[in-house]
Amino acid sequence: MPEEPTEKLYELRVTRAPAASEAAPSADVARHGAASKDAPGDKAPRNEPKRNEAAPGKEPDKERDSTSRAVSKIKSGMRDRLPALEDDAQVGVQKEHIVIRDGEADLRFTGVLLASAAPAAAPKGQWQEYRVYQTTGGKQVFLKVTRSVLEEQEDTHTAEVFDPSPSSVPSQLLRSAREIARSRPLTWMDAATAFFGYGPLAKALYRKLSVRFEETIT
């Protein structure tokens, strides 16, 4: 066969335009493909933050609440010195004392601090302090202080006075109840255990006093 038709056929195969099925996908097809990636049930877009993650530049609410509660430097130093208290050196020294009471008149008297007790540590930032005083007139003063290292929380002070004199009406009432129950008069040690209880800190306080608080049995 002649060679000329063969060469023309070769040129047609090389120069023909691509068929419609081989063309690049249309814009509608591209949009459909992108929409299928965001369809319900698929993963969220990469740039969208997760629900449980805080947005950049913001702290979680828990951390923000904790940092907003200021700590008192003075009371933080008191906590770090536990179980030592600032008036430990005044035990047994006769002087004038002022005992603060919340909701009542403060107590002013001359006497001695018999003993005090505080916990060895306060990991949660709160602790209690127990103190027992004796006035020159023979009365006992019991003091319980609750402290917190946070500036927004004020210390609380609770105090009671034990008067062994029969002229004291509260003392007479306590004596009568005690005498009926145990056939013996009420002592300041009874009043102390009624005020402080028998917790670990109270027992530590009793061990520092020069009297026995244990119950003796036979």
N, C-alpha and C. Protein backbone atom coordinates (compact mmCIF):
# COMPACT_ATOMS: atom_id res chain seq x y z
N MET A 1 0.84 -1.20 0.00
CA MET A 1 0.00 0.00 0.00
C MET A 1 0.87 1.24 0.00
N PRO A 2 0.35 2.35 -0.54
CA PRO A 2 1.15 3.59 -0.55
C PRO A 2 1.39 4.08 0.89
N GLU A 3 2.50 4.79 1.14
CA GLU A 3 2.89 5.24 2.48
C GLU A 3 2.20 6.51 2.89
N GLU A 4 1.68 7.31 1.96
CA GLU A 4 1.12 8.61 2.31
C GLU A 4 -0.10 8.50 3.21
N PRO A 5 -1.10 7.63 2.97
CA PRO A 5 -2.26 7.54 3.88
C PRO A 5 -1.85 7.16 5.29
N THR A 6 -0.83 6.32 5.41
CA THR A 6 -0.39 5.90 6.75
C THR A 6 0.14 7.08 7.54
N GLU A 7 0.90 7.95 6.93
CA GLU A 7 1.44 9.11 7.62
C GLU A 7 0.34 10.05 8.05
N LYS A 8 -0.72 10.26 7.26
CA LYS A 8 -1.81 11.15 7.61
C LYS A 8 -2.59 10.61 8.80
N LEU A 9 -2.79 9.27 8.80
CA LEU A 9 -3.50 8.66 9.92
C LEU A 9 -2.74 8.84 11.22
N TYR A 10 -1.43 8.75 11.18
CA TYR A 10 -0.58 8.95 12.36
C TYR A 10 -0.69 10.37 12.87
N GLU A 11 -0.76 11.34 11.95
CA GLU A 11 -0.89 12.74 12.36
C GLU A 11 -2.23 12.99 13.00
N LEU A 12 -3.29 12.34 12.55
CA LEU A 12 -4.61 12.54 13.15
C LEU A 12 -4.65 11.99 14.56
N ARG A 13 -4.06 10.85 14.79
CA ARG A 13 -4.02 10.27 16.11
C ARG A 13 -3.27 11.15 17.10
N VAL A 14 -2.27 11.82 16.65
CA VAL A 14 -1.46 12.65 17.54
C VAL A 14 -2.13 13.96 17.84
N THR A 15 -2.78 14.54 16.91
CA THR A 15 -3.27 15.90 17.06
C THR A 15 -4.72 15.99 17.49
N ARG A 16 -5.47 14.86 17.62
CA ARG A 16 -6.88 14.98 17.97
C ARG A 16 -7.05 15.44 19.42
N ALA A 17 -8.13 16.17 19.69
CA ALA A 17 -8.41 16.70 21.03
C ALA A 17 -8.87 15.59 21.94
N PRO A 18 -8.62 15.66 23.23
CA PRO A 18 -9.07 14.62 24.18
C PRO A 18 -10.57 14.59 24.22
N ALA A 19 -11.10 13.41 24.46
CA ALA A 19 -12.55 13.23 24.54
C ALA A 19 -13.10 13.91 25.77
N ALA A 20 -14.45 14.12 25.77
CA ALA A 20 -15.08 14.82 26.91
C ALA A 20 -14.94 14.04 28.18
N SER A 21 -14.94 12.67 28.09
CA SER A 21 -14.82 11.85 29.30
C SER A 21 -13.45 11.95 29.92
N GLU A 22 -12.43 12.36 29.15
CA GLU A 22 -11.07 12.48 29.67
C GLU A 22 -10.75 13.87 30.16
N ALA A 23 -11.67 14.83 30.05
CA ALA A 23 -11.39 16.21 30.47
C ALA A 23 -11.34 16.31 31.97
N ALA A 24 -10.80 17.40 32.49
CA ALA A 24 -10.69 17.63 33.95
C ALA A 24 -12.06 17.75 34.55
N PRO A 25 -12.27 17.37 35.79
CA PRO A 25 -13.59 17.45 36.41
C PRO A 25 -14.07 18.88 36.45
N SER A 26 -15.40 19.03 36.28
CA SER A 26 -15.98 20.37 36.27
C SER A 26 -16.00 20.97 37.65
N ALA A 27 -16.34 22.26 37.75
CA ALA A 27 -16.39 22.94 39.05
C ALA A 27 -17.46 22.35 39.93
N ASP A 28 -18.64 21.93 39.33
CA ASP A 28 -19.71 21.32 40.12
C ASP A 28 -19.26 20.03 40.75
N VAL A 29 -18.49 19.21 39.99
CA VAL A 29 -17.99 17.95 40.53
C VAL A 29 -17.02 18.21 41.66
N ALA A 30 -16.16 19.21 41.51
CA ALA A 30 -15.19 19.54 42.56
C ALA A 30 -15.90 19.98 43.83
N ARG A 31 -16.98 20.80 43.65
CA ARG A 31 -17.71 21.27 44.83
C ARG A 31 -18.41 20.11 45.52
N HIS A 32 -18.95 19.16 44.74
CA HIS A 32 -19.61 18.00 45.31
C HIS A 32 -18.63 17.15 46.10
N GLY A 33 -17.42 17.01 45.58
CA GLY A 33 -16.41 16.22 46.29
C GLY A 33 -16.01 16.87 47.59
N ALA A 34 -15.89 18.20 47.60
CA ALA A 34 -15.52 18.90 48.84
C ALA A 34 -16.63 18.81 49.85
N ALA A 35 -17.90 18.87 49.36
CA ALA A 35 -19.03 18.81 50.29
C ALA A 35 -19.14 17.45 50.92
N SER A 36 -18.78 16.40 50.20
CA SER A 36 -18.90 15.05 50.75
C SER A 36 -17.95 14.85 51.92
N LYS A 37 -16.83 15.57 51.97
CA LYS A 37 -15.89 15.45 53.08
C LYS A 37 -16.46 16.03 54.36
N ASP A 38 -17.34 17.03 54.25
CA ASP A 38 -17.92 17.67 55.44
C ASP A 38 -19.29 17.12 55.77
N ALA A 39 -19.65 16.04 55.16
CA ALA A 39 -20.99 15.48 55.39
C ALA A 39 -21.12 15.03 56.81
N PRO A 40 -22.39 14.97 57.36
CA PRO A 40 -22.59 14.53 58.75
C PRO A 40 -22.03 13.15 58.97
N GLY A 41 -21.39 12.96 60.13
CA GLY A 41 -20.79 11.68 60.45
C GLY A 41 -19.31 11.65 60.18
N ASP A 42 -18.80 12.56 59.34
CA ASP A 42 -17.37 12.62 59.08
C ASP A 42 -16.69 13.45 60.14
N LYS A 43 -15.38 13.44 60.15
CA LYS A 43 -14.60 14.20 61.12
C LYS A 43 -14.73 15.70 60.86
N ALA A 44 -14.55 16.46 61.94
CA ALA A 44 -14.63 17.92 61.81
C ALA A 44 -13.44 18.42 61.00
N PRO A 45 -13.59 19.59 60.36
CA PRO A 45 -12.46 20.15 59.62
C PRO A 45 -11.25 20.33 60.51
N ARG A 46 -10.09 20.27 59.90
CA ARG A 46 -8.84 20.34 60.67
C ARG A 46 -8.69 21.62 61.45
N ASN A 47 -9.16 22.74 60.91
CA ASN A 47 -8.96 24.04 61.56
C ASN A 47 -9.95 24.32 62.68
N GLU A 48 -10.98 23.46 62.82
CA GLU A 48 -12.00 23.71 63.85
C GLU A 48 -11.55 23.09 65.17
N PRO A 49 -11.49 23.85 66.28
CA PRO A 49 -11.03 23.29 67.55
C PRO A 49 -12.02 22.28 68.08
N LYS A 50 -11.51 21.31 68.85
CA LYS A 50 -12.37 20.31 69.46
C LYS A 50 -13.21 20.94 70.56
N ARG A 51 -14.32 20.27 70.87
CA ARG A 51 -15.24 20.84 71.85
C ARG A 51 -14.62 20.98 73.23
N ASN A 52 -13.81 19.99 73.64
CA ASN A 52 -13.24 19.98 74.98
C ASN A 52 -11.98 20.80 75.10
N GLU A 53 -11.50 21.34 74.00
CA GLU A 53 -10.28 22.13 74.04
C GLU A 53 -10.62 23.61 74.12
N ALA A 54 -9.89 24.31 75.01
CA ALA A 54 -10.11 25.75 75.13
C ALA A 54 -9.55 26.45 73.92
N ALA A 55 -10.18 27.54 73.55
CA ALA A 55 -9.70 28.33 72.41
C ALA A 55 -8.34 28.92 72.75
N PRO A 56 -7.50 29.16 71.73
CA PRO A 56 -6.17 29.71 72.00
C PRO A 56 -6.25 31.01 72.78
N GLY A 57 -5.38 31.12 73.80
CA GLY A 57 -5.33 32.34 74.60
C GLY A 57 -6.27 32.33 75.78
N LYS A 58 -7.08 31.25 75.97
CA LYS A 58 -8.01 31.16 77.10
C LYS A 58 -7.66 29.97 77.96
N GLU A 59 -7.81 30.12 79.29
CA GLU A 59 -7.54 29.05 80.22
C GLU A 59 -8.84 28.36 80.58
N PRO A 60 -8.78 27.09 80.95
CA PRO A 60 -10.00 26.41 81.42
C PRO A 60 -10.56 27.11 82.64
N ASP A 61 -11.90 26.98 82.84
CA ASP A 61 -12.55 27.66 83.95
C ASP A 61 -11.97 27.25 85.28
N LYS A 62 -11.60 25.97 85.45
CA LYS A 62 -11.06 25.51 86.73
C LYS A 62 -9.77 26.22 87.08
N GLU A 63 -8.87 26.36 86.09
CA GLU A 63 -7.61 27.04 86.36
C GLU A 63 -7.84 28.52 86.62
N ARG A 64 -8.79 29.12 85.91
CA ARG A 64 -9.04 30.53 86.11
C ARG A 64 -9.59 30.79 87.51
N ASP A 65 -10.45 29.88 88.01
CA ASP A 65 -11.01 30.05 89.35
C ASP A 65 -9.94 29.91 90.41
N SER A 66 -9.00 28.96 90.23
CA SER A 66 -7.98 28.74 91.24
C SER A 66 -6.99 29.89 91.31
N THR A 67 -6.66 30.49 90.16
CA THR A 67 -5.70 31.58 90.17
C THR A 67 -6.30 32.87 90.69
N SER A 68 -7.63 32.99 90.65
CA SER A 68 -8.27 34.21 91.12
C SER A 68 -8.36 34.29 92.64
N ARG A 69 -8.10 33.20 93.35
CA ARG A 69 -8.17 33.18 94.80
C ARG A 69 -6.79 33.49 95.36
N ALA A 70 -6.62 34.70 95.85
CA ALA A 70 -5.32 35.16 96.32
C ALA A 70 -4.97 34.51 97.64
N VAL A 71 -3.69 34.23 97.82
CA VAL A 71 -3.17 33.61 99.04
C VAL A 71 -2.49 34.68 99.88
N SER A 72 -2.80 34.71 101.18
CA SER A 72 -2.19 35.66 102.10
C SER A 72 -0.75 35.22 102.40
N LYS A 73 0.20 36.11 102.17
CA LYS A 73 1.59 35.78 102.43
C LYS A 73 1.84 35.57 103.93
N ILE A 74 1.16 36.36 104.76
CA ILE A 74 1.36 36.24 106.21
C ILE A 74 0.88 34.87 106.70
N LYS A 75 -0.34 34.51 106.34
CA LYS A 75 -0.87 33.23 106.82
C LYS A 75 -0.23 32.04 106.11
N SER A 76 0.27 32.26 104.90
CA SER A 76 1.01 31.20 104.24
C SER A 76 2.30 30.90 105.01
N GLY A 77 2.93 31.96 105.53
CA GLY A 77 4.12 31.75 106.36
C GLY A 77 3.79 31.05 107.67
N MET A 78 2.62 31.37 108.25
CA MET A 78 2.19 30.68 109.47
C MET A 78 1.97 29.19 109.20
N ARG A 79 1.39 28.87 108.06
CA ARG A 79 1.17 27.47 107.71
C ARG A 79 2.49 26.73 107.54
N ASP A 80 3.46 27.39 106.92
CA ASP A 80 4.75 26.74 106.67
C ASP A 80 5.51 26.46 107.96
N ARG A 81 5.19 27.17 109.05
CA ARG A 81 5.90 26.95 110.33
C ARG A 81 5.22 25.91 111.21
N LEU A 82 4.06 25.41 110.81
CA LEU A 82 3.35 24.42 111.62
C LEU A 82 4.22 23.20 111.88
N PRO A 83 4.12 22.59 113.08
CA PRO A 83 3.16 22.85 114.16
C PRO A 83 3.57 23.97 115.13
N ALA A 84 4.65 24.68 114.83
CA ALA A 84 5.06 25.78 115.69
C ALA A 84 4.08 26.95 115.55
N LEU A 85 3.80 27.62 116.68
CA LEU A 85 2.92 28.79 116.70
C LEU A 85 3.70 30.00 117.18
N GLU A 86 3.21 31.20 116.83
CA GLU A 86 3.93 32.42 117.12
C GLU A 86 4.05 32.71 118.61
N ASP A 87 3.14 32.16 119.43
CA ASP A 87 3.19 32.42 120.87
C ASP A 87 3.69 31.24 121.67
N ASP A 88 4.38 30.30 121.04
CA ASP A 88 4.93 29.16 121.78
C ASP A 88 5.90 29.61 122.87
N ALA A 89 6.65 30.65 122.61
CA ALA A 89 7.64 31.13 123.59
C ALA A 89 6.97 31.79 124.79
N GLN A 90 5.67 32.07 124.71
CA GLN A 90 4.98 32.75 125.81
C GLN A 90 4.27 31.78 126.76
N VAL A 91 4.41 30.48 126.52
CA VAL A 91 3.79 29.50 127.41
C VAL A 91 4.39 29.64 128.80
N GLY A 92 3.52 29.80 129.82
CA GLY A 92 3.98 29.92 131.20
C GLY A 92 4.37 31.32 131.61
N VAL A 93 4.32 32.28 130.71
CA VAL A 93 4.70 33.66 131.02
C VAL A 93 3.44 34.44 131.39
N GLN A 94 3.48 35.05 132.58
CA GLN A 94 2.31 35.84 133.00
C GLN A 94 2.33 37.20 132.33
N LYS A 95 1.25 37.54 131.72
CA LYS A 95 1.13 38.79 130.99
C LYS A 95 -0.34 39.07 130.73
N GLU A 96 -0.60 40.21 130.10
CA GLU A 96 -1.98 40.54 129.74
C GLU A 96 -2.29 39.92 128.37
N HIS A 97 -3.42 39.26 128.28
CA HIS A 97 -3.84 38.60 127.04
C HIS A 97 -5.15 39.22 126.56
N ILE A 98 -5.34 39.20 125.27
CA ILE A 98 -6.62 39.56 124.66
C ILE A 98 -7.01 38.41 123.75
N VAL A 99 -8.10 37.75 124.11
CA VAL A 99 -8.60 36.61 123.33
C VAL A 99 -9.79 37.08 122.51
N ILE A 100 -9.69 36.91 121.21
CA ILE A 100 -10.75 37.35 120.29
C ILE A 100 -11.87 36.32 120.27
N ARG A 101 -13.12 36.83 120.28
CA ARG A 101 -14.30 35.97 120.14
C ARG A 101 -15.19 36.54 119.04
N ASP A 102 -15.60 35.71 118.10
CA ASP A 102 -16.49 36.16 117.03
C ASP A 102 -17.91 36.29 117.57
N GLY A 103 -18.53 37.46 117.32
CA GLY A 103 -19.90 37.68 117.73
C GLY A 103 -20.09 37.97 119.20
N GLU A 104 -19.00 38.08 119.96
CA GLU A 104 -19.07 38.39 121.39
C GLU A 104 -17.94 39.35 121.73
N ALA A 105 -18.01 39.89 122.95
CA ALA A 105 -16.94 40.78 123.40
C ALA A 105 -15.64 39.99 123.56
N ASP A 106 -14.52 40.59 123.16
CA ASP A 106 -13.23 39.95 123.35
C ASP A 106 -12.92 39.86 124.84
N LEU A 107 -12.06 38.91 125.20
CA LEU A 107 -11.70 38.69 126.61
C LEU A 107 -10.33 39.29 126.89
N ARG A 108 -10.28 40.15 127.90
CA ARG A 108 -9.00 40.72 128.34
C ARG A 108 -8.74 40.26 129.78
N PHE A 109 -7.57 39.72 130.01
CA PHE A 109 -7.25 39.22 131.35
C PHE A 109 -5.73 39.11 131.51
N THR A 110 -5.31 39.02 132.76
CA THR A 110 -3.91 38.78 133.08
C THR A 110 -3.79 37.33 133.53
N GLY A 111 -2.85 36.63 132.93
CA GLY A 111 -2.69 35.22 133.25
C GLY A 111 -1.60 34.61 132.40
N VAL A 112 -1.64 33.29 132.29
CA VAL A 112 -0.59 32.57 131.55
C VAL A 112 -1.24 31.68 130.49
N LEU A 113 -0.50 31.44 129.42
CA LEU A 113 -0.87 30.46 128.42
C LEU A 113 -0.35 29.10 128.90
N LEU A 114 -1.28 28.20 129.21
CA LEU A 114 -0.87 26.90 129.74
C LEU A 114 -0.34 25.98 128.64
N ALA A 115 -1.01 25.94 127.50
CA ALA A 115 -0.58 25.06 126.41
C ALA A 115 -1.28 25.47 125.12
N SER A 116 -0.66 25.10 124.01
CA SER A 116 -1.26 25.33 122.69
C SER A 116 -0.89 24.16 121.80
N ALA A 117 -1.70 23.96 120.75
CA ALA A 117 -1.44 22.85 119.83
C ALA A 117 -1.93 23.21 118.44
N ALA A 118 -1.22 22.70 117.43
CA ALA A 118 -1.57 22.91 116.02
C ALA A 118 -1.13 21.67 115.25
N PRO A 119 -1.74 21.40 114.11
CA PRO A 119 -1.36 20.22 113.32
C PRO A 119 0.03 20.37 112.72
N ALA A 120 0.60 19.25 112.32
CA ALA A 120 1.95 19.27 111.73
C ALA A 120 1.95 19.85 110.33
N ALA A 121 0.82 19.84 109.64
CA ALA A 121 0.75 20.35 108.27
C ALA A 121 -0.69 20.71 107.94
N ALA A 122 -0.84 21.51 106.89
CA ALA A 122 -2.18 21.90 106.41
C ALA A 122 -2.18 21.80 104.89
N PRO A 123 -2.24 20.58 104.34
CA PRO A 123 -2.13 20.41 102.89
C PRO A 123 -3.24 21.10 102.11
N LYS A 124 -4.42 21.28 102.70
CA LYS A 124 -5.52 21.93 102.00
C LYS A 124 -5.61 23.43 102.31
N GLY A 125 -4.62 23.95 103.04
CA GLY A 125 -4.60 25.38 103.31
C GLY A 125 -5.45 25.81 104.48
N GLN A 126 -6.01 24.88 105.26
CA GLN A 126 -6.82 25.22 106.42
C GLN A 126 -6.34 24.40 107.62
N TRP A 127 -6.38 25.02 108.79
CA TRP A 127 -5.98 24.31 110.00
C TRP A 127 -6.60 24.98 111.22
N GLN A 128 -6.52 24.30 112.37
CA GLN A 128 -7.03 24.81 113.63
C GLN A 128 -5.91 24.92 114.65
N GLU A 129 -6.10 25.85 115.58
CA GLU A 129 -5.16 26.05 116.69
C GLU A 129 -5.95 26.03 117.99
N TYR A 130 -5.48 25.26 118.97
CA TYR A 130 -6.13 25.17 120.27
C TYR A 130 -5.23 25.79 121.33
N ARG A 131 -5.85 26.51 122.27
CA ARG A 131 -5.09 27.14 123.37
C ARG A 131 -5.90 27.08 124.66
N VAL A 132 -5.16 26.93 125.78
CA VAL A 132 -5.75 26.96 127.11
C VAL A 132 -4.99 27.97 127.95
N TYR A 133 -5.73 28.93 128.54
CA TYR A 133 -5.14 29.96 129.40
C TYR A 133 -5.67 29.77 130.83
N GLN A 134 -4.94 30.35 131.76
CA GLN A 134 -5.42 30.42 133.15
C GLN A 134 -5.22 31.84 133.65
N THR A 135 -6.28 32.42 134.17
CA THR A 135 -6.21 33.79 134.66
C THR A 135 -5.65 33.81 136.09
N THR A 136 -5.24 34.98 136.52
CA THR A 136 -4.75 35.13 137.90
C THR A 136 -5.85 34.88 138.92
N GLY A 137 -7.10 34.98 138.52
CA GLY A 137 -8.23 34.71 139.41
C GLY A 137 -8.63 33.25 139.45
N GLY A 138 -7.93 32.37 138.74
CA GLY A 138 -8.21 30.94 138.79
C GLY A 138 -9.18 30.44 137.73
N LYS A 139 -9.54 31.24 136.76
CA LYS A 139 -10.43 30.80 135.68
C LYS A 139 -9.61 30.22 134.53
N GLN A 140 -10.23 29.36 133.76
CA GLN A 140 -9.61 28.82 132.55
C GLN A 140 -10.33 29.37 131.32
N VAL A 141 -9.54 29.69 130.30
CA VAL A 141 -10.05 30.21 129.04
C VAL A 141 -9.64 29.24 127.93
N PHE A 142 -10.62 28.78 127.18
CA PHE A 142 -10.38 27.86 126.08
C PHE A 142 -10.59 28.60 124.76
N LEU A 143 -9.64 28.46 123.85
CA LEU A 143 -9.69 29.18 122.57
C LEU A 143 -9.47 28.21 121.42
N LYS A 144 -10.31 28.34 120.42
CA LYS A 144 -10.19 27.55 119.19
C LYS A 144 -10.18 28.51 118.00
N VAL A 145 -9.10 28.48 117.21
CA VAL A 145 -8.95 29.36 116.04
C VAL A 145 -8.88 28.50 114.78
N THR A 146 -9.66 28.88 113.77
CA THR A 146 -9.63 28.20 112.47
C THR A 146 -9.08 29.18 111.45
N ARG A 147 -8.02 28.78 110.76
CA ARG A 147 -7.34 29.67 109.81
C ARG A 147 -7.37 29.09 108.40
N SER A 148 -7.21 30.00 107.42
CA SER A 148 -7.10 29.63 106.01
C SER A 148 -6.06 30.53 105.36
N VAL A 149 -5.31 29.99 104.42
CA VAL A 149 -4.29 30.79 103.74
C VAL A 149 -4.89 31.76 102.73
N LEU A 150 -6.16 31.59 102.39
CA LEU A 150 -6.79 32.46 101.40
C LEU A 150 -7.16 33.80 102.03
N GLU A 151 -6.87 34.88 101.31
CA GLU A 151 -7.16 36.22 101.82
C GLU A 151 -8.66 36.46 101.97
N GLU A 152 -9.46 35.84 101.12
CA GLU A 152 -10.89 36.09 101.14
C GLU A 152 -11.60 35.42 102.31
N GLN A 153 -10.92 34.47 102.99
CA GLN A 153 -11.51 33.77 104.11
C GLN A 153 -10.90 34.28 105.42
N GLU A 154 -11.72 34.87 106.26
CA GLU A 154 -11.25 35.39 107.54
C GLU A 154 -11.13 34.26 108.56
N ASP A 155 -10.21 34.43 109.49
CA ASP A 155 -10.05 33.46 110.57
C ASP A 155 -11.27 33.53 111.49
N THR A 156 -11.62 32.39 112.09
CA THR A 156 -12.72 32.34 113.05
C THR A 156 -12.17 32.05 114.44
N HIS A 157 -12.80 32.67 115.46
CA HIS A 157 -12.34 32.54 116.85
C HIS A 157 -13.53 32.17 117.74
N THR A 158 -13.38 31.08 118.47
CA THR A 158 -14.39 30.64 119.42
C THR A 158 -13.72 30.45 120.77
N ALA A 159 -14.31 31.02 121.82
CA ALA A 159 -13.70 30.94 123.15
C ALA A 159 -14.77 30.76 124.21
N GLU A 160 -14.39 30.08 125.29
CA GLU A 160 -15.26 29.90 126.44
C GLU A 160 -14.45 30.08 127.72
N VAL A 161 -15.14 30.47 128.77
CA VAL A 161 -14.51 30.69 130.08
C VAL A 161 -15.09 29.69 131.07
N PHE A 162 -14.22 29.02 131.80
CA PHE A 162 -14.68 28.14 132.87
C PHE A 162 -14.37 28.80 134.20
N ASP A 163 -15.43 29.02 134.99
CA ASP A 163 -15.29 29.64 136.30
C ASP A 163 -15.64 28.60 137.36
N PRO A 164 -14.66 28.15 138.13
CA PRO A 164 -14.94 27.13 139.15
C PRO A 164 -15.67 27.67 140.37
N SER A 165 -15.87 28.96 140.43
CA SER A 165 -16.53 29.54 141.60
C SER A 165 -18.00 29.13 141.64
N PRO A 166 -18.51 28.72 142.83
CA PRO A 166 -19.93 28.38 142.93
C PRO A 166 -20.86 29.55 142.65
N SER A 167 -20.34 30.77 142.69
CA SER A 167 -21.18 31.93 142.44
C SER A 167 -21.53 32.08 140.97
N SER A 168 -20.84 31.33 140.10
CA SER A 168 -21.11 31.39 138.67
C SER A 168 -22.31 30.52 138.35
N VAL A 169 -23.38 31.11 137.82
CA VAL A 169 -24.59 30.36 137.50
C VAL A 169 -24.33 29.26 136.47
N PRO A 170 -23.65 29.55 135.34
CA PRO A 170 -23.35 28.46 134.39
C PRO A 170 -22.56 27.33 135.04
N SER A 171 -21.61 27.71 135.92
CA SER A 171 -20.82 26.68 136.59
C SER A 171 -21.68 25.84 137.51
N GLN A 172 -22.64 26.46 138.21
CA GLN A 172 -23.53 25.73 139.08
C GLN A 172 -24.38 24.73 138.29
N LEU A 173 -24.88 25.16 137.13
CA LEU A 173 -25.69 24.27 136.33
C LEU A 173 -24.86 23.08 135.83
N LEU A 174 -23.63 23.35 135.41
CA LEU A 174 -22.78 22.27 134.94
C LEU A 174 -22.42 21.33 136.08
N ARG A 175 -22.17 21.90 137.26
CA ARG A 175 -21.84 21.08 138.41
C ARG A 175 -23.00 20.16 138.76
N SER A 176 -24.20 20.68 138.74
CA SER A 176 -25.37 19.88 139.09
C SER A 176 -25.55 18.71 138.13
N ALA A 177 -25.39 18.99 136.83
CA ALA A 177 -25.53 17.92 135.85
C ALA A 177 -24.44 16.88 136.01
N ARG A 178 -23.23 17.34 136.31
CA ARG A 178 -22.11 16.41 136.45
C ARG A 178 -22.23 15.58 137.73
N GLU A 179 -22.64 16.23 138.79
CA GLU A 179 -22.78 15.51 140.05
C GLU A 179 -23.84 14.43 139.96
N ILE A 180 -24.92 14.72 139.23
CA ILE A 180 -25.96 13.71 139.06
C ILE A 180 -25.44 12.54 138.23
N ALA A 181 -24.66 12.83 137.22
CA ALA A 181 -24.19 11.80 136.30
C ALA A 181 -23.06 10.97 136.89
N ARG A 182 -22.10 11.62 137.59
CA ARG A 182 -20.91 10.89 138.04
C ARG A 182 -20.60 11.08 139.52
N SER A 183 -21.43 11.80 140.19
CA SER A 183 -21.26 11.99 141.64
C SER A 183 -19.93 12.65 141.98
N ARG A 184 -19.50 13.57 141.20
CA ARG A 184 -18.31 14.35 141.51
C ARG A 184 -18.43 15.72 140.87
N PRO A 185 -17.77 16.72 141.42
CA PRO A 185 -17.91 18.08 140.88
C PRO A 185 -17.23 18.21 139.52
N LEU A 186 -17.72 19.18 138.76
CA LEU A 186 -17.16 19.46 137.45
C LEU A 186 -15.81 20.17 137.60
N THR A 187 -14.82 19.75 136.83
CA THR A 187 -13.51 20.38 136.85
C THR A 187 -13.26 21.10 135.53
N TRP A 188 -12.21 21.90 135.52
CA TRP A 188 -11.89 22.61 134.29
C TRP A 188 -11.46 21.64 133.19
N MET A 189 -10.95 20.46 133.58
CA MET A 189 -10.59 19.44 132.59
C MET A 189 -11.83 18.89 131.91
N ASP A 190 -12.91 18.73 132.68
CA ASP A 190 -14.18 18.32 132.08
C ASP A 190 -14.67 19.36 131.07
N ALA A 191 -14.54 20.62 131.47
CA ALA A 191 -14.97 21.70 130.57
C ALA A 191 -14.10 21.74 129.32
N ALA A 192 -12.80 21.43 129.47
CA ALA A 192 -11.90 21.44 128.32
C ALA A 192 -12.27 20.36 127.32
N THR A 193 -12.54 19.15 127.82
CA THR A 193 -12.91 18.07 126.90
C THR A 193 -14.27 18.32 126.27
N ALA A 194 -15.16 19.00 127.00
CA ALA A 194 -16.45 19.34 126.41
C ALA A 194 -16.29 20.37 125.29
N PHE A 195 -15.29 21.23 125.40
CA PHE A 195 -15.07 22.29 124.40
C PHE A 195 -14.25 21.77 123.22
N PHE A 196 -13.14 21.08 123.48
CA PHE A 196 -12.23 20.64 122.42
C PHE A 196 -12.56 19.24 121.88
N GLY A 197 -13.20 18.41 122.68
CA GLY A 197 -13.46 17.06 122.25
C GLY A 197 -12.26 16.15 122.45
N TYR A 198 -12.23 15.06 121.68
CA TYR A 198 -11.15 14.07 121.81
C TYR A 198 -10.51 13.75 120.46
N GLY A 199 -10.46 14.72 119.57
CA GLY A 199 -9.79 14.51 118.30
C GLY A 199 -8.28 14.47 118.46
N PRO A 200 -7.54 14.14 117.39
CA PRO A 200 -6.08 14.06 117.47
C PRO A 200 -5.44 15.36 117.95
N LEU A 201 -5.93 16.50 117.49
CA LEU A 201 -5.33 17.77 117.91
C LEU A 201 -5.65 18.05 119.37
N ALA A 202 -6.85 17.71 119.81
CA ALA A 202 -7.21 17.91 121.22
C ALA A 202 -6.34 17.04 122.12
N LYS A 203 -6.12 15.81 121.75
CA LYS A 203 -5.28 14.92 122.55
C LYS A 203 -3.84 15.42 122.60
N ALA A 204 -3.36 15.99 121.50
CA ALA A 204 -2.02 16.58 121.51
C ALA A 204 -1.95 17.75 122.50
N LEU A 205 -3.05 18.52 122.58
CA LEU A 205 -3.11 19.63 123.55
C LEU A 205 -3.11 19.10 124.97
N TYR A 206 -3.88 18.06 125.24
CA TYR A 206 -3.96 17.52 126.60
C TYR A 206 -2.62 16.97 127.06
N ARG A 207 -1.86 16.39 126.15
CA ARG A 207 -0.56 15.84 126.53
C ARG A 207 0.42 16.93 126.95
N LYS A 208 0.20 18.16 126.49
CA LYS A 208 1.10 19.26 126.85
C LYS A 208 0.75 19.87 128.21
N LEU A 209 -0.44 19.59 128.71
CA LEU A 209 -0.85 20.14 130.00
C LEU A 209 -0.29 19.29 131.14
N SER A 210 -0.20 19.89 132.30
CA SER A 210 0.42 19.20 133.44
C SER A 210 -0.57 18.36 134.24
N VAL A 211 -1.65 17.93 133.61
CA VAL A 211 -2.64 17.09 134.26
C VAL A 211 -2.97 15.91 133.35
N ARG A 212 -3.56 14.88 133.90
CA ARG A 212 -3.90 13.67 133.14
C ARG A 212 -5.34 13.76 132.66
N PHE A 213 -5.52 13.58 131.35
CA PHE A 213 -6.85 13.62 130.76
C PHE A 213 -7.36 12.23 130.42
N GLU A 214 -6.56 11.21 130.66
CA GLU A 214 -7.01 9.86 130.37
C GLU A 214 -8.07 9.41 131.38
N GLU A 215 -8.96 8.57 130.92
CA GLU A 215 -9.97 8.03 131.81
C GLU A 215 -9.41 6.79 132.51
N THR A 216 -9.35 6.83 133.83
CA THR A 216 -8.78 5.73 134.62
C THR A 216 -9.86 4.72 134.95
N ILE A 217 -9.57 3.48 134.67
CA ILE A 217 -10.49 2.39 134.99
C ILE A 217 -9.78 1.34 135.84
N THR A 218 -10.51 0.54 136.53
CA THR A 218 -9.95 -0.51 137.36
C THR A 218 -10.52 -1.87 136.97
